Structures are given as structure tokens and as C-alpha cells.
Amino acid sequence: MRALVQRVTRASVTVDGEVTGAIGAGLCALIGVTHTDGATEAAELARKIWHLRVFSDADGRMNLSVADNGGEVLVVSQFTLYGDTRRGRRPSWVDAAGPEQAEPLIDQLCEELRALGAAVATGRFRADMAVEIVNDGPVTLMLEV
């Protein structure tokens, strides 16, 4: 599993004119799933996101996690994180898991985050989503398990 994680001041997902998920300060996590991923990877990635130290402490150092500061997490399914662009101009999607595998794993990742104490908002799987992200910093990191 992969996550492109951004520290945000706010983020939201809109589908067909309806906001399906929105957060204030916290993390926006775009999540990609590949064929070899399972429950273990979903749980490990949730822990990694929850404990990622990208928020400033009293000394201005990135030393705090969303777990430490009570921030929120917006999780958005993003199969394009497994797009292969090494050849040609059109990405190949062969490394991206199909929706029948990816959707339950993203749901599990959200449940794992909630069990850790996160307030989680989500997009809508298989929908054409408009994602609004106000990146704070900017801070953007790729996580992989």
C-alpha cells in the first residue's frame, strides 16, 4: 500500500455537488492499493499515518503526530498512485489492485485509524471526486508498506 500524505489546514471531498468528507487541520491521505496488499499492510499503514511526526512542537520542530495534536485524517482512495509512467506517455495501471480488493482494504485502514483514535473523513469509492486540499507548509510525504 502507498499513501501520499499531506499536512493540511483543511481538506474536503465533493461528489456530485455534495461534500462527502471534510476535515480541518490534520492529514489528507491519498491511498493506493496493489495486488499483494492485505489486512497486515492496511493496519501497518494506518499506524504509520497516525504516528507520522510532521506537526511542529513548541520549538518549531516537526516532532508531533496527528495522534499528539488531535488532528483529523481525510482518506481518499487513489488507484493512480500505482500508475507506472516509466515507458511512453500513457500510464499503465497493471500494478493497481482492482476495486473488489482495494475497497475493503481502504475501509479497513479507516477503521484501524478510528481504533487508534483518529477522527476520519472519507471520499466515496469509485466516484469522480473533487478533492480540495490546503497543504500546510507545504508538507507532502510518500509512505509505503
C-alpha atoms as a PDB file:
ATOM      1  CA  MET A   1       0.000   0.000   0.000  1.00  0.00           C
ATOM      2  CA  ARG A   2       1.044   3.547  -0.673  1.00  0.00           C
ATOM      3  CA  ALA A   3      -0.087   6.815   0.817  1.00  0.00           C
ATOM      4  CA  LEU A   4       0.648  10.303  -0.387  1.00  0.00           C
ATOM      5  CA  VAL A   5       0.172  12.232   2.854  1.00  0.00           C
ATOM      6  CA  GLN A   6      -0.172  15.989   3.064  1.00  0.00           C
ATOM      7  CA  ARG A   7      -0.299  18.124   6.187  1.00  0.00           C
ATOM      8  CA  VAL A   8      -3.329  20.362   5.677  1.00  0.00           C
ATOM      9  CA  THR A   9      -5.091  23.279   7.291  1.00  0.00           C
ATOM     10  CA  ARG A  10      -8.286  21.901   5.732  1.00  0.00           C
ATOM     11  CA  ALA A  11      -9.351  19.401   3.081  1.00  0.00           C
ATOM     12  CA  SER A  12     -12.596  18.118   1.623  1.00  0.00           C
ATOM     13  CA  VAL A  13     -14.054  15.754  -0.953  1.00  0.00           C
ATOM     14  CA  THR A  14     -17.101  16.606  -3.051  1.00  0.00           C
ATOM     15  CA  VAL A  15     -19.067  14.121  -5.177  1.00  0.00           C
ATOM     16  CA  ASP A  16     -21.894  15.333  -7.430  1.00  0.00           C
ATOM     17  CA  GLY A  17     -22.015  18.662  -5.597  1.00  0.00           C
ATOM     18  CA  GLU A  18     -22.243  17.010  -2.149  1.00  0.00           C
ATOM     19  CA  VAL A  19     -19.414  17.176   0.394  1.00  0.00           C
ATOM     20  CA  THR A  20     -18.801  13.561   1.406  1.00  0.00           C
ATOM     21  CA  GLY A  21     -15.907  14.236   3.763  1.00  0.00           C
ATOM     22  CA  ALA A  22     -14.181  17.267   5.241  1.00  0.00           C
ATOM     23  CA  ILE A  23     -11.561  17.951   7.889  1.00  0.00           C
ATOM     24  CA  GLY A  24      -9.858  20.908   9.498  1.00  0.00           C
ATOM     25  CA  ALA A  25      -6.195  20.784  10.471  1.00  0.00           C
ATOM     26  CA  GLY A  26      -4.704  17.329  10.066  1.00  0.00           C
ATOM     27  CA  LEU A  27      -3.605  14.978   7.310  1.00  0.00           C
ATOM     28  CA  CYS A  28      -5.012  14.216   3.889  1.00  0.00           C
ATOM     29  CA  ALA A  29      -4.002  10.695   2.871  1.00  0.00           C
ATOM     30  CA  LEU A  30      -4.392   9.596  -0.735  1.00  0.00           C
ATOM     31  CA  ILE A  31      -4.251   5.780  -0.597  1.00  0.00           C
ATOM     32  CA  GLY A  32      -3.229   3.326  -3.317  1.00  0.00           C
ATOM     33  CA  VAL A  33      -3.541  -0.460  -3.117  1.00  0.00           C
ATOM     34  CA  THR A  34      -1.603  -3.058  -5.114  1.00  0.00           C
ATOM     35  CA  HIS A  35      -2.282  -6.769  -5.706  1.00  0.00           C
ATOM     36  CA  THR A  36      -0.108  -8.113  -2.877  1.00  0.00           C
ATOM     37  CA  ASP A  37      -1.682  -5.920  -0.173  1.00  0.00           C
ATOM     38  CA  GLY A  38      -3.802  -7.338   2.589  1.00  0.00           C
ATOM     39  CA  ALA A  39      -5.011  -6.720   6.135  1.00  0.00           C
ATOM     40  CA  THR A  40      -1.467  -6.547   7.531  1.00  0.00           C
ATOM     41  CA  GLU A  41      -0.491  -3.727   5.175  1.00  0.00           C
ATOM     42  CA  ALA A  42      -3.694  -1.782   5.901  1.00  0.00           C
ATOM     43  CA  ALA A  43      -3.064  -1.940   9.661  1.00  0.00           C
ATOM     44  CA  GLU A  44       0.617  -1.023   9.295  1.00  0.00           C
ATOM     45  CA  LEU A  45      -0.115   1.931   7.016  1.00  0.00           C
ATOM     46  CA  ALA A  46      -2.794   3.216   9.417  1.00  0.00           C
ATOM     47  CA  ARG A  47      -0.276   3.145  12.280  1.00  0.00           C
ATOM     48  CA  LYS A  48       2.329   4.884  10.129  1.00  0.00           C
ATOM     49  CA  ILE A  49      -0.091   7.685   9.187  1.00  0.00           C
ATOM     50  CA  TRP A  50      -1.302   8.095  12.796  1.00  0.00           C
ATOM     51  CA  HIS A  51       2.216   8.374  14.218  1.00  0.00           C
ATOM     52  CA  LEU A  52       3.851  10.358  11.371  1.00  0.00           C
ATOM     53  CA  ARG A  53       5.631  13.288  13.049  1.00  0.00           C
ATOM     54  CA  VAL A  54       5.030  16.256  10.723  1.00  0.00           C
ATOM     55  CA  PHE A  55       3.472  18.814  13.081  1.00  0.00           C
ATOM     56  CA  SER A  56       5.527  21.435  14.873  1.00  0.00           C
ATOM     57  CA  ASP A  57       6.262  21.240  18.580  1.00  0.00           C
ATOM     58  CA  ALA A  58       6.833  24.248  20.865  1.00  0.00           C
ATOM     59  CA  ASP A  59      10.345  24.641  19.418  1.00  0.00           C
ATOM     60  CA  GLY A  60       9.095  24.710  15.828  1.00  0.00           C
ATOM     61  CA  ARG A  61      10.445  21.232  15.012  1.00  0.00           C
ATOM     62  CA  MET A  62       8.364  18.624  13.184  1.00  0.00           C
ATOM     63  CA  ASN A  63       8.108  16.410  16.209  1.00  0.00           C
ATOM     64  CA  LEU A  64       4.374  15.813  16.717  1.00  0.00           C
ATOM     65  CA  SER A  65       1.951  13.445  15.023  1.00  0.00           C
ATOM     66  CA  VAL A  66      -1.754  13.726  14.360  1.00  0.00           C
ATOM     67  CA  ALA A  67      -2.063  11.392  17.370  1.00  0.00           C
ATOM     68  CA  ASP A  68      -0.335  14.027  19.518  1.00  0.00           C
ATOM     69  CA  ASN A  69      -2.246  17.071  18.363  1.00  0.00           C
ATOM     70  CA  GLY A  70      -5.769  15.729  17.932  1.00  0.00           C
ATOM     71  CA  GLY A  71      -5.896  16.438  14.217  1.00  0.00           C
ATOM     72  CA  GLU A  72      -8.149  14.750  11.718  1.00  0.00           C
ATOM     73  CA  VAL A  73      -7.465  12.465   8.750  1.00  0.00           C
ATOM     74  CA  LEU A  74      -9.137  12.599   5.340  1.00  0.00           C
ATOM     75  CA  VAL A  75      -8.694   9.288   3.492  1.00  0.00           C
ATOM     76  CA  VAL A  76      -9.170   9.267  -0.285  1.00  0.00           C
ATOM     77  CA  SER A  77      -8.803   6.191  -2.483  1.00  0.00           C
ATOM     78  CA  GLN A  78      -6.270   6.916  -5.241  1.00  0.00           C
ATOM     79  CA  PHE A  79      -5.529   3.998  -7.590  1.00  0.00           C
ATOM     80  CA  THR A  80      -3.349   6.299  -9.723  1.00  0.00           C
ATOM     81  CA  LEU A  81      -0.613   6.110  -7.070  1.00  0.00           C
ATOM     82  CA  TYR A  82       0.252   2.794  -8.725  1.00  0.00           C
ATOM     83  CA  GLY A  83       0.406   4.254 -12.225  1.00  0.00           C
ATOM     84  CA  ASP A  84       3.609   3.238 -13.993  1.00  0.00           C
ATOM     85  CA  THR A  85       5.000   6.032 -16.202  1.00  0.00           C
ATOM     86  CA  ARG A  86       8.424   4.580 -16.974  1.00  0.00           C
ATOM     87  CA  ARG A  87       7.523   3.840 -20.592  1.00  0.00           C
ATOM     88  CA  GLY A  88       5.656   6.004 -23.019  1.00  0.00           C
ATOM     89  CA  ARG A  89       3.266   8.813 -22.205  1.00  0.00           C
ATOM     90  CA  ARG A  90       0.242   6.842 -21.038  1.00  0.00           C
ATOM     91  CA  PRO A  91       0.418   5.410 -17.503  1.00  0.00           C
ATOM     92  CA  SER A  92      -0.029   1.688 -17.031  1.00  0.00           C
ATOM     93  CA  TRP A  93      -2.401   0.680 -14.236  1.00  0.00           C
ATOM     94  CA  VAL A  94      -1.406  -3.007 -14.019  1.00  0.00           C
ATOM     95  CA  ASP A  95       0.095  -2.562 -10.525  1.00  0.00           C
ATOM     96  CA  ALA A  96      -3.118  -1.061  -9.100  1.00  0.00           C
ATOM     97  CA  ALA A  97      -5.432  -3.508  -7.342  1.00  0.00           C
ATOM     98  CA  GLY A  98      -8.959  -3.820  -8.656  1.00  0.00           C
ATOM     99  CA  PRO A  99     -11.816  -2.208  -6.727  1.00  0.00           C
ATOM    100  CA  GLU A 100     -13.014  -5.540  -5.304  1.00  0.00           C
ATOM    101  CA  GLN A 101      -9.675  -5.861  -3.467  1.00  0.00           C
ATOM    102  CA  ALA A 102      -8.926  -2.191  -2.805  1.00  0.00           C
ATOM    103  CA  GLU A 103     -12.236  -1.033  -1.324  1.00  0.00           C
ATOM    104  CA  PRO A 104     -12.287  -3.406   1.674  1.00  0.00           C
ATOM    105  CA  LEU A 105      -8.633  -2.621   2.438  1.00  0.00           C
ATOM    106  CA  ILE A 106      -9.237   1.129   2.389  1.00  0.00           C
ATOM    107  CA  ASP A 107     -12.285   0.592   4.617  1.00  0.00           C
ATOM    108  CA  GLN A 108     -10.083  -1.434   6.976  1.00  0.00           C
ATOM    109  CA  LEU A 109      -7.411   1.281   7.002  1.00  0.00           C
ATOM    110  CA  CYS A 110     -10.103   3.805   8.019  1.00  0.00           C
ATOM    111  CA  GLU A 111     -11.333   1.505  10.794  1.00  0.00           C
ATOM    112  CA  GLU A 112      -7.767   0.979  12.030  1.00  0.00           C
ATOM    113  CA  LEU A 113      -7.266   4.762  12.172  1.00  0.00           C
ATOM    114  CA  ARG A 114     -10.539   5.177  14.087  1.00  0.00           C
ATOM    115  CA  ALA A 115      -9.490   2.437  16.531  1.00  0.00           C
ATOM    116  CA  LEU A 116      -6.272   4.367  17.145  1.00  0.00           C
ATOM    117  CA  GLY A 117      -8.340   7.465  17.980  1.00  0.00           C
ATOM    118  CA  ALA A 118      -8.448   9.374  14.706  1.00  0.00           C
ATOM    119  CA  ALA A 119     -11.416  11.380  13.508  1.00  0.00           C
ATOM    120  CA  VAL A 120     -11.629  10.083   9.928  1.00  0.00           C
ATOM    121  CA  ALA A 121     -13.474  11.518   6.946  1.00  0.00           C
ATOM    122  CA  THR A 122     -13.519   9.838   3.536  1.00  0.00           C
ATOM    123  CA  GLY A 123     -14.259  10.261  -0.101  1.00  0.00           C
ATOM    124  CA  ARG A 124     -16.559   7.889  -1.983  1.00  0.00           C
ATOM    125  CA  PHE A 125     -15.058   4.819  -3.569  1.00  0.00           C
ATOM    126  CA  ARG A 126     -15.452   4.516  -7.376  1.00  0.00           C
ATOM    127  CA  ALA A 127     -16.757   8.088  -7.629  1.00  0.00           C
ATOM    128  CA  ASP A 128     -15.473  11.040  -9.600  1.00  0.00           C
ATOM    129  CA  MET A 129     -14.293  13.152  -6.660  1.00  0.00           C
ATOM    130  CA  ALA A 130     -13.277  16.783  -6.420  1.00  0.00           C
ATOM    131  CA  VAL A 131     -10.630  16.941  -3.696  1.00  0.00           C
ATOM    132  CA  GLU A 132      -9.790  20.308  -2.190  1.00  0.00           C
ATOM    133  CA  ILE A 133      -6.554  20.363  -0.220  1.00  0.00           C
ATOM    134  CA  VAL A 134      -4.968  23.327   1.512  1.00  0.00           C
ATOM    135  CA  ASN A 135      -1.445  21.995   2.029  1.00  0.00           C
ATOM    136  CA  ASP A 136       0.199  23.387   5.152  1.00  0.00           C
ATOM    137  CA  GLY A 137       3.892  24.063   4.761  1.00  0.00           C
ATOM    138  CA  PRO A 138       3.793  22.553   2.166  1.00  0.00           C
ATOM    139  CA  VAL A 139       4.457  19.170   3.729  1.00  0.00           C
ATOM    140  CA  THR A 140       3.930  16.154   1.437  1.00  0.00           C
ATOM    141  CA  LEU A 141       5.354  12.667   2.012  1.00  0.00           C
ATOM    142  CA  MET A 142       5.054   9.301   0.293  1.00  0.00           C
ATOM    143  CA  LEU A 143       4.587   6.367   2.660  1.00  0.00           C
ATOM    144  CA  GLU A 144       4.825   2.758   1.608  1.00  0.00           C
ATOM    145  CA  VAL A 145       4.411  -0.543   3.437  1.00  0.00           C
END
